[in-house]
Amino acid sequence: KGDSMLPLVMDGDIIICEKISDRYANGRICVVTVD
């Protein structure tokens, strides 16, 4: 939901995510929680 990752990811897209450790996240598009 939302458009901050345009043009790669659009509102309504379904993304498939793989659970990884933090050390493999650098430079990649990730699911992140803040507070």
All heavy atoms as atom14 arrays in JSON, in Angstrom:
{
  "sequence": "KGDSMLPLVMDGDIIICEKISDRYANGRICVVTVD",
  "atom14_mask": [
    [1, 1, 1, 1, 1, 1, 1, 1, 1, 0, 0, 0, 0, 0],
    [1, 1, 1, 1, 0, 0, 0, 0, 0, 0, 0, 0, 0, 0],
    [1, 1, 1, 1, 1, 1, 1, 1, 0, 0, 0, 0, 0, 0],
    [1, 1, 1, 1, 1, 1, 0, 0, 0, 0, 0, 0, 0, 0],
    [1, 1, 1, 1, 1, 1, 1, 1, 0, 0, 0, 0, 0, 0],
    [1, 1, 1, 1, 1, 1, 1, 1, 0, 0, 0, 0, 0, 0],
    [1, 1, 1, 1, 1, 1, 1, 0, 0, 0, 0, 0, 0, 0],
    [1, 1, 1, 1, 1, 1, 1, 1, 0, 0, 0, 0, 0, 0],
    [1, 1, 1, 1, 1, 1, 1, 0, 0, 0, 0, 0, 0, 0],
    [1, 1, 1, 1, 1, 1, 1, 1, 0, 0, 0, 0, 0, 0],
    [1, 1, 1, 1, 1, 1, 1, 1, 0, 0, 0, 0, 0, 0],
    [1, 1, 1, 1, 0, 0, 0, 0, 0, 0, 0, 0, 0, 0],
    [1, 1, 1, 1, 1, 1, 1, 1, 0, 0, 0, 0, 0, 0],
    [1, 1, 1, 1, 1, 1, 1, 1, 0, 0, 0, 0, 0, 0],
    [1, 1, 1, 1, 1, 1, 1, 1, 0, 0, 0, 0, 0, 0],
    [1, 1, 1, 1, 1, 1, 1, 1, 0, 0, 0, 0, 0, 0],
    [1, 1, 1, 1, 1, 1, 0, 0, 0, 0, 0, 0, 0, 0],
    [1, 1, 1, 1, 1, 1, 1, 1, 1, 0, 0, 0, 0, 0],
    [1, 1, 1, 1, 1, 1, 1, 1, 1, 0, 0, 0, 0, 0],
    [1, 1, 1, 1, 1, 1, 1, 1, 0, 0, 0, 0, 0, 0],
    [1, 1, 1, 1, 1, 1, 0, 0, 0, 0, 0, 0, 0, 0],
    [1, 1, 1, 1, 1, 1, 1, 1, 0, 0, 0, 0, 0, 0],
    [1, 1, 1, 1, 1, 1, 1, 1, 1, 1, 1, 0, 0, 0],
    [1, 1, 1, 1, 1, 1, 1, 1, 1, 1, 1, 1, 0, 0],
    [1, 1, 1, 1, 1, 0, 0, 0, 0, 0, 0, 0, 0, 0],
    [1, 1, 1, 1, 1, 1, 1, 1, 0, 0, 0, 0, 0, 0],
    [1, 1, 1, 1, 0, 0, 0, 0, 0, 0, 0, 0, 0, 0],
    [1, 1, 1, 1, 1, 1, 1, 1, 1, 1, 1, 0, 0, 0],
    [1, 1, 1, 1, 1, 1, 1, 1, 0, 0, 0, 0, 0, 0],
    [1, 1, 1, 1, 1, 1, 0, 0, 0, 0, 0, 0, 0, 0],
    [1, 1, 1, 1, 1, 1, 1, 0, 0, 0, 0, 0, 0, 0],
    [1, 1, 1, 1, 1, 1, 1, 0, 0, 0, 0, 0, 0, 0],
    [1, 1, 1, 1, 1, 1, 1, 0, 0, 0, 0, 0, 0, 0],
    [1, 1, 1, 1, 1, 1, 1, 0, 0, 0, 0, 0, 0, 0],
    [1, 1, 1, 1, 1, 1, 1, 1, 0, 0, 0, 0, 0, 0]
  ],
  "atom14_positions": [
    [[0.86, -1.18, 0.0], [0.0, 0.0, 0.0], [0.9, 1.23, 0.0], [1.74, 1.39, 0.87], [-0.9, 0.01, 1.24], [-1.83, 1.21, 1.33], [-2.68, 1.14, 2.59], [-3.61, 2.34, 2.7], [-4.43, 2.29, 3.94], [0.0, 0.0, 0.0], [0.0, 0.0, 0.0], [0.0, 0.0, 0.0], [0.0, 0.0, 0.0], [0.0, 0.0, 0.0]],
    [[0.72, 2.1, -0.99], [1.53, 3.31, -1.04], [2.44, 3.35, -2.27], [2.52, 2.39, -3.04], [0.0, 0.0, 0.0], [0.0, 0.0, 0.0], [0.0, 0.0, 0.0], [0.0, 0.0, 0.0], [0.0, 0.0, 0.0], [0.0, 0.0, 0.0], [0.0, 0.0, 0.0], [0.0, 0.0, 0.0], [0.0, 0.0, 0.0], [0.0, 0.0, 0.0]],
    [[3.15, 4.47, -2.43], [3.92, 4.7, -3.65], [5.36, 5.12, -3.42], [6.02, 5.61, -4.32], [3.22, 5.75, -4.5], [3.09, 7.11, -3.8], [3.54, 7.23, -2.64], [2.54, 8.04, -4.42], [0.0, 0.0, 0.0], [0.0, 0.0, 0.0], [0.0, 0.0, 0.0], [0.0, 0.0, 0.0], [0.0, 0.0, 0.0], [0.0, 0.0, 0.0]],
    [[5.89, 4.9, -2.23], [7.25, 5.38, -1.96], [8.32, 4.56, -2.69], [9.47, 5.01, -2.79], [7.55, 5.37, -0.45], [7.76, 4.05, 0.0], [0.0, 0.0, 0.0], [0.0, 0.0, 0.0], [0.0, 0.0, 0.0], [0.0, 0.0, 0.0], [0.0, 0.0, 0.0], [0.0, 0.0, 0.0], [0.0, 0.0, 0.0], [0.0, 0.0, 0.0]],
    [[7.95, 3.37, -3.19], [8.94, 2.54, -3.87], [8.73, 2.52, -5.38], [9.25, 1.65, -6.08], [8.92, 1.13, -3.29], [9.25, 1.06, -1.82], [10.82, 1.87, -1.38], [11.99, 0.69, -2.07], [0.0, 0.0, 0.0], [0.0, 0.0, 0.0], [0.0, 0.0, 0.0], [0.0, 0.0, 0.0], [0.0, 0.0, 0.0], [0.0, 0.0, 0.0]],
    [[7.95, 3.49, -5.88], [7.84, 3.66, -7.34], [9.2, 4.07, -7.91], [9.97, 4.75, -7.24], [6.82, 4.76, -7.65], [5.34, 4.42, -7.48], [4.49, 5.67, -7.71], [4.91, 3.33, -8.45], [0.0, 0.0, 0.0], [0.0, 0.0, 0.0], [0.0, 0.0, 0.0], [0.0, 0.0, 0.0], [0.0, 0.0, 0.0], [0.0, 0.0, 0.0]],
    [[9.55, 3.64, -9.12], [8.69, 2.91, -10.06], [8.77, 1.4, -9.95], [8.11, 0.69, -10.68], [9.25, 3.37, -11.4], [10.71, 3.53, -11.12], [10.8, 4.09, -9.73], [0.0, 0.0, 0.0], [0.0, 0.0, 0.0], [0.0, 0.0, 0.0], [0.0, 0.0, 0.0], [0.0, 0.0, 0.0], [0.0, 0.0, 0.0], [0.0, 0.0, 0.0]],
    [[9.59, 0.89, -9.03], [9.78, -0.56, -8.96], [8.56, -1.27, -8.39], [8.09, -2.27, -8.94], [11.02, -0.89, -8.12], [11.33, -2.39, -7.98], [11.65, -2.99, -9.34], [12.49, -2.6, -7.02], [0.0, 0.0, 0.0], [0.0, 0.0, 0.0], [0.0, 0.0, 0.0], [0.0, 0.0, 0.0], [0.0, 0.0, 0.0], [0.0, 0.0, 0.0]],
    [[8.05, -0.77, -7.25], [6.94, -1.42, -6.57], [5.76, -0.46, -6.56], [5.89, 0.7, -6.14], [7.31, -1.8, -5.12], [6.17, -2.56, -4.47], [8.59, -2.63, -5.1], [0.0, 0.0, 0.0], [0.0, 0.0, 0.0], [0.0, 0.0, 0.0], [0.0, 0.0, 0.0], [0.0, 0.0, 0.0], [0.0, 0.0, 0.0], [0.0, 0.0, 0.0]],
    [[4.6, -0.96, -6.98], [3.41, -0.12, -7.09], [2.38, -0.48, -6.03], [2.37, -1.6, -5.5], [2.79, -0.27, -8.49], [3.7, 0.16, -9.62], [2.98, -0.15, -11.26], [1.53, 0.91, -11.16], [0.0, 0.0, 0.0], [0.0, 0.0, 0.0], [0.0, 0.0, 0.0], [0.0, 0.0, 0.0], [0.0, 0.0, 0.0], [0.0, 0.0, 0.0]],
    [[1.5, 0.47, -5.74], [0.38, 0.24, -4.84], [-0.45, -0.93, -5.37], [-0.81, -0.95, -6.55], [-0.48, 1.5, -4.77], [-1.61, 1.38, -3.77], [-2.69, 0.89, -4.16], [-1.42, 1.78, -2.61], [0.0, 0.0, 0.0], [0.0, 0.0, 0.0], [0.0, 0.0, 0.0], [0.0, 0.0, 0.0], [0.0, 0.0, 0.0], [0.0, 0.0, 0.0]],
    [[-0.74, -1.9, -4.51], [-1.52, -3.06, -4.91], [-0.7, -4.27, -5.3], [-1.25, -5.37, -5.44], [0.0, 0.0, 0.0], [0.0, 0.0, 0.0], [0.0, 0.0, 0.0], [0.0, 0.0, 0.0], [0.0, 0.0, 0.0], [0.0, 0.0, 0.0], [0.0, 0.0, 0.0], [0.0, 0.0, 0.0], [0.0, 0.0, 0.0], [0.0, 0.0, 0.0]],
    [[0.62, -4.11, -5.48], [1.47, -5.26, -5.8], [1.51, -6.24, -4.62], [1.38, -5.84, -3.46], [2.9, -4.81, -6.1], [3.04, -4.15, -7.46], [2.12, -4.27, -8.27], [4.08, -3.52, -7.69], [0.0, 0.0, 0.0], [0.0, 0.0, 0.0], [0.0, 0.0, 0.0], [0.0, 0.0, 0.0], [0.0, 0.0, 0.0], [0.0, 0.0, 0.0]],
    [[1.71, -7.5, -4.95], [1.98, -8.52, -3.93], [3.48, -8.81, -3.98], [4.02, -9.13, -5.04], [1.2, -9.82, -4.17], [-0.31, -9.56, -4.17], [1.57, -10.87, -3.12], [-0.87, -9.17, -2.83], [0.0, 0.0, 0.0], [0.0, 0.0, 0.0], [0.0, 0.0, 0.0], [0.0, 0.0, 0.0], [0.0, 0.0, 0.0], [0.0, 0.0, 0.0]],
    [[4.15, -8.67, -2.85], [5.58, -8.95, -2.8], [5.84, -10.24, -2.05], [5.16, -10.55, -1.07], [6.38, -7.79, -2.18], [5.91, -7.48, -0.76], [6.32, -6.55, -3.06], [6.8, -6.49, -0.02], [0.0, 0.0, 0.0], [0.0, 0.0, 0.0], [0.0, 0.0, 0.0], [0.0, 0.0, 0.0], [0.0, 0.0, 0.0], [0.0, 0.0, 0.0]],
    [[6.8, -11.01, -2.54], [7.25, -12.23, -1.87], [8.56, -11.9, -1.17], [9.5, -11.39, -1.78], [7.48, -13.38, -2.88], [6.26, -13.56, -3.78], [7.82, -14.67, -2.13], [4.99, -13.93, -3.06], [0.0, 0.0, 0.0], [0.0, 0.0, 0.0], [0.0, 0.0, 0.0], [0.0, 0.0, 0.0], [0.0, 0.0, 0.0], [0.0, 0.0, 0.0]],
    [[8.59, -12.17, 0.12], [9.76, -11.83, 0.94], [10.37, -13.07, 1.55], [9.66, -14.01, 1.92], [9.35, -10.87, 2.07], [8.55, -9.37, 1.47], [0.0, 0.0, 0.0], [0.0, 0.0, 0.0], [0.0, 0.0, 0.0], [0.0, 0.0, 0.0], [0.0, 0.0, 0.0], [0.0, 0.0, 0.0], [0.0, 0.0, 0.0], [0.0, 0.0, 0.0]],
    [[11.68, -13.06, 1.64], [12.41, -14.15, 2.29], [12.97, -13.66, 3.61], [13.57, -12.59, 3.68], [13.55, -14.63, 1.4], [14.37, -15.77, 2.03], [15.55, -16.18, 1.18], [15.83, -15.51, 0.16], [16.21, -17.17, 1.54], [0.0, 0.0, 0.0], [0.0, 0.0, 0.0], [0.0, 0.0, 0.0], [0.0, 0.0, 0.0], [0.0, 0.0, 0.0]],
    [[12.76, -14.44, 4.66], [13.32, -14.08, 5.95], [14.83, -14.27, 5.92], [15.32, -15.32, 5.52], [12.69, -14.95, 7.06], [11.22, -14.66, 7.28], [10.67, -15.47, 8.45], [9.21, -15.14, 8.7], [8.65, -15.92, 9.84], [0.0, 0.0, 0.0], [0.0, 0.0, 0.0], [0.0, 0.0, 0.0], [0.0, 0.0, 0.0], [0.0, 0.0, 0.0]],
    [[15.56, -13.24, 6.33], [17.01, -13.27, 6.31], [17.55, -12.65, 7.57], [16.83, -11.98, 8.32], [17.58, -12.5, 5.09], [17.13, -11.03, 5.16], [17.17, -13.15, 3.78], [17.87, -10.13, 4.2], [0.0, 0.0, 0.0], [0.0, 0.0, 0.0], [0.0, 0.0, 0.0], [0.0, 0.0, 0.0], [0.0, 0.0, 0.0], [0.0, 0.0, 0.0]],
    [[18.83, -12.84, 7.81], [19.48, -12.14, 8.92], [19.91, -10.76, 8.44], [20.07, -10.51, 7.24], [20.69, -12.93, 9.41], [21.67, -13.02, 8.4], [0.0, 0.0, 0.0], [0.0, 0.0, 0.0], [0.0, 0.0, 0.0], [0.0, 0.0, 0.0], [0.0, 0.0, 0.0], [0.0, 0.0, 0.0], [0.0, 0.0, 0.0], [0.0, 0.0, 0.0]],
    [[20.09, -9.84, 9.37], [20.39, -8.45, 9.03], [21.63, -8.29, 8.16], [21.71, -7.39, 7.34], [20.58, -7.63, 10.31], [19.27, -7.43, 11.07], [18.23, -7.96, 10.6], [19.27, -6.77, 12.11], [0.0, 0.0, 0.0], [0.0, 0.0, 0.0], [0.0, 0.0, 0.0], [0.0, 0.0, 0.0], [0.0, 0.0, 0.0], [0.0, 0.0, 0.0]],
    [[22.6, -9.19, 8.31], [23.86, -9.0, 7.58], [23.7, -9.18, 6.07], [24.59, -8.81, 5.31], [24.93, -9.94, 8.13], [24.7, -11.42, 7.89], [25.87, -12.21, 8.46], [25.74, -13.64, 8.25], [25.09, -14.46, 9.05], [24.48, -13.97, 10.12], [25.03, -15.75, 8.8], [0.0, 0.0, 0.0], [0.0, 0.0, 0.0], [0.0, 0.0, 0.0]],
    [[22.57, -9.76, 5.63], [22.34, -9.93, 4.19], [21.41, -8.85, 3.63], [21.03, -8.92, 2.46], [21.74, -11.3, 3.92], [22.64, -12.45, 4.31], [22.25, -13.37, 5.27], [23.9, -12.61, 3.72], [23.07, -14.42, 5.64], [24.73, -13.65, 4.09], [24.31, -14.56, 5.04], [25.12, -15.59, 5.4], [0.0, 0.0, 0.0], [0.0, 0.0, 0.0]],
    [[21.05, -7.86, 4.44], [20.04, -6.88, 4.02], [20.63, -5.66, 3.34], [19.92, -4.95, 2.62], [19.24, -6.44, 5.24], [0.0, 0.0, 0.0], [0.0, 0.0, 0.0], [0.0, 0.0, 0.0], [0.0, 0.0, 0.0], [0.0, 0.0, 0.0], [0.0, 0.0, 0.0], [0.0, 0.0, 0.0], [0.0, 0.0, 0.0], [0.0, 0.0, 0.0]],
    [[21.9, -5.4, 3.54], [22.49, -4.15, 3.06], [22.35, -4.0, 1.55], [22.71, -4.9, 0.78], [23.96, -4.07, 3.45], [24.48, -2.66, 3.43], [23.72, -1.69, 3.5], [25.79, -2.51, 3.33], [0.0, 0.0, 0.0], [0.0, 0.0, 0.0], [0.0, 0.0, 0.0], [0.0, 0.0, 0.0], [0.0, 0.0, 0.0], [0.0, 0.0, 0.0]],
    [[21.78, -2.87, 1.12], [21.62, -2.59, -0.29], [20.39, -3.21, -0.93], [20.18, -3.06, -2.14], [0.0, 0.0, 0.0], [0.0, 0.0, 0.0], [0.0, 0.0, 0.0], [0.0, 0.0, 0.0], [0.0, 0.0, 0.0], [0.0, 0.0, 0.0], [0.0, 0.0, 0.0], [0.0, 0.0, 0.0], [0.0, 0.0, 0.0], [0.0, 0.0, 0.0]],
    [[19.55, -3.88, -0.16], [18.4, -4.57, -0.7], [17.1, -3.94, -0.19], [17.09, -3.23, 0.81], [18.45, -6.06, -0.34], [19.75, -6.72, -0.78], [19.88, -8.15, -0.33], [19.0, -9.03, -1.09], [18.96, -10.35, -0.91], [19.73, -10.92, 0.01], [18.15, -11.09, -1.63], [0.0, 0.0, 0.0], [0.0, 0.0, 0.0], [0.0, 0.0, 0.0]],
    [[16.0, -4.22, -0.89], [14.69, -3.72, -0.47], [14.14, -4.69, 0.57], [14.01, -5.89, 0.3], [13.75, -3.59, -1.67], [14.29, -2.54, -2.64], [12.33, -3.23, -1.22], [13.51, -2.4, -3.92], [0.0, 0.0, 0.0], [0.0, 0.0, 0.0], [0.0, 0.0, 0.0], [0.0, 0.0, 0.0], [0.0, 0.0, 0.0], [0.0, 0.0, 0.0]],
    [[13.8, -4.15, 1.73], [13.46, -5.0, 2.87], [12.17, -4.58, 3.55], [11.73, -3.43, 3.46], [14.59, -4.95, 3.91], [16.18, -5.56, 3.32], [0.0, 0.0, 0.0], [0.0, 0.0, 0.0], [0.0, 0.0, 0.0], [0.0, 0.0, 0.0], [0.0, 0.0, 0.0], [0.0, 0.0, 0.0], [0.0, 0.0, 0.0], [0.0, 0.0, 0.0]],
    [[11.59, -5.53, 4.26], [10.5, -5.26, 5.19], [11.14, -4.87, 6.52], [11.9, -5.64, 7.1], [9.59, -6.49, 5.37], [8.54, -6.22, 6.44], [8.94, -6.86, 4.05], [0.0, 0.0, 0.0], [0.0, 0.0, 0.0], [0.0, 0.0, 0.0], [0.0, 0.0, 0.0], [0.0, 0.0, 0.0], [0.0, 0.0, 0.0], [0.0, 0.0, 0.0]],
    [[10.85, -3.64, 6.96], [11.5, -3.11, 8.16], [10.43, -2.63, 9.13], [9.4, -2.09, 8.71], [12.42, -1.92, 7.79], [13.19, -1.43, 9.02], [13.39, -2.29, 6.67], [0.0, 0.0, 0.0], [0.0, 0.0, 0.0], [0.0, 0.0, 0.0], [0.0, 0.0, 0.0], [0.0, 0.0, 0.0], [0.0, 0.0, 0.0], [0.0, 0.0, 0.0]],
    [[10.67, -2.83, 10.41], [9.78, -2.23, 11.41], [10.53, -1.13, 12.15], [11.71, -1.25, 12.47], [9.25, -3.26, 12.43], [10.35, -3.92, 13.05], [8.35, -4.27, 11.76], [0.0, 0.0, 0.0], [0.0, 0.0, 0.0], [0.0, 0.0, 0.0], [0.0, 0.0, 0.0], [0.0, 0.0, 0.0], [0.0, 0.0, 0.0], [0.0, 0.0, 0.0]],
    [[9.8, -0.04, 12.37], [10.3, 1.11, 13.13], [9.28, 1.39, 14.22], [8.12, 1.68, 13.92], [10.45, 2.35, 12.23], [11.01, 3.53, 13.05], [11.34, 2.06, 11.02], [0.0, 0.0, 0.0], [0.0, 0.0, 0.0], [0.0, 0.0, 0.0], [0.0, 0.0, 0.0], [0.0, 0.0, 0.0], [0.0, 0.0, 0.0], [0.0, 0.0, 0.0]],
    [[9.7, 1.28, 15.48], [8.75, 1.4, 16.59], [7.58, 0.45, 16.41], [6.42, 0.79, 16.65], [8.25, 2.84, 16.72], [9.33, 3.78, 17.23], [10.16, 3.33, 18.06], [9.36, 4.94, 16.8], [0.0, 0.0, 0.0], [0.0, 0.0, 0.0], [0.0, 0.0, 0.0], [0.0, 0.0, 0.0], [0.0, 0.0, 0.0], [0.0, 0.0, 0.0]]
  ]
}
